[in-house]
């Protein structure tokens, strides 16, 4: 394999890794938005979906160059909503 081919293969692998990260990140942001909306409406909410996706992101990060994300607590959502008012 030539150097050019090796670099191209590596670049494609990194790009695919980052594309998967972006998909997971978008899902996480949507889950956060939903929890924030429910909390702001005074309705029950859960961080389970957020943290399940966070776990996927963090596992994915061990296989490449993408960043990790912190797990979210209900208090974090409540604090965000309180500060947003």
Protein backbone atom coordinates (compact mmCIF):
# COMPACT_ATOMS: atom_id res chain seq x y z
CA UNK A 1 0.00 0.00 0.00
CA UNK A 2 1.39 3.37 -0.95
CA UNK A 3 1.69 6.21 1.53
CA UNK A 4 -1.04 8.07 -0.32
CA UNK A 5 -3.42 5.11 -0.05
CA UNK A 6 -2.64 4.68 3.64
CA UNK A 7 -3.28 8.35 4.34
CA UNK A 8 -6.53 8.24 2.37
CA UNK A 9 -7.71 5.14 4.24
CA UNK A 10 -6.84 6.73 7.60
CA UNK A 11 -8.60 9.98 6.68
CA UNK A 12 -11.74 8.15 5.60
CA UNK A 13 -11.76 6.16 8.85
CA UNK A 14 -11.45 9.35 10.92
CA UNK A 15 -14.17 11.05 8.88
CA UNK A 16 -16.56 8.13 9.38
CA UNK A 17 -15.81 8.18 13.10
CA UNK A 18 -16.59 11.88 13.37
CA UNK A 19 -19.77 11.54 11.30
CA UNK A 20 -21.04 8.90 13.74
CA UNK A 21 -20.13 11.17 16.66
CA UNK A 22 -22.11 14.03 15.11
CA UNK A 23 -25.18 11.80 14.71
CA UNK A 24 -24.99 10.73 18.35
CA UNK A 25 -24.37 14.30 19.48
CA UNK A 26 -27.48 15.48 17.61
CA UNK A 27 -29.57 12.75 19.26
CA UNK A 28 -28.20 13.77 22.67
CA UNK A 29 -29.00 17.44 22.08
CA UNK A 30 -32.56 16.56 21.07
CA UNK A 31 -32.98 14.50 24.24
CA UNK A 32 -31.63 17.38 26.34
CA UNK A 33 -34.00 19.82 24.63
CA UNK A 34 -36.94 17.52 25.39
CA UNK A 35 -35.98 17.21 29.07
CA UNK A 36 -35.55 20.98 29.34
CA UNK A 37 -38.94 21.57 27.70
CA UNK A 38 -40.71 19.16 30.04
CA UNK A 39 -38.97 20.60 33.09
CA UNK A 40 -39.84 24.16 32.06
CA UNK A 41 -43.49 23.09 31.74
CA UNK A 42 -43.36 21.63 35.25
CA UNK A 43 -43.86 18.12 33.90
CA UNK A 44 -41.94 14.98 34.90
CA UNK A 45 -38.78 14.37 32.89
CA UNK A 46 -36.00 11.83 32.78
CA UNK A 47 -32.32 11.95 31.91
CA UNK A 48 -32.17 8.23 31.05
CA UNK A 49 -32.24 8.75 27.28
CA UNK A 50 -29.66 11.52 27.50
CA UNK A 51 -27.32 9.34 29.52
CA UNK A 52 -27.84 6.28 27.33
CA UNK A 53 -26.71 8.31 24.34
CA UNK A 54 -23.89 9.80 26.42
CA UNK A 55 -22.72 6.26 27.13
CA UNK A 56 -22.72 5.50 23.40
CA UNK A 57 -20.75 8.69 22.71
CA UNK A 58 -18.18 7.88 25.38
CA UNK A 59 -17.79 4.30 24.17
CA UNK A 60 -17.43 5.58 20.61
CA UNK A 61 -14.77 8.06 21.73
CA UNK A 62 -12.53 5.21 22.90
CA UNK A 63 -12.30 4.04 19.29
CA UNK A 64 -11.15 7.29 17.73
CA UNK A 65 -10.67 11.02 17.95
CA UNK A 66 -14.08 12.27 19.07
CA UNK A 67 -14.63 13.91 22.47
CA UNK A 68 -16.49 12.45 25.42
CA UNK A 69 -19.52 13.96 27.12
CA UNK A 70 -20.52 14.22 30.77
CA UNK A 71 -23.52 12.40 32.17
CA UNK A 72 -26.49 14.63 33.00
CA UNK A 73 -28.34 14.71 36.31
CA UNK A 74 -31.91 15.92 36.86
CA UNK A 75 -30.43 18.74 38.97
CA UNK A 76 -28.42 19.93 35.98
CA UNK A 77 -31.59 20.21 33.88
CA UNK A 78 -33.46 21.97 36.70
CA UNK A 79 -30.60 24.43 37.24
CA UNK A 80 -30.48 25.20 33.52
CA UNK A 81 -34.21 25.87 33.39
CA UNK A 82 -34.06 28.03 36.52
CA UNK A 83 -31.19 30.13 35.11
CA UNK A 84 -32.96 30.48 31.75
CA UNK A 85 -35.97 32.22 33.25
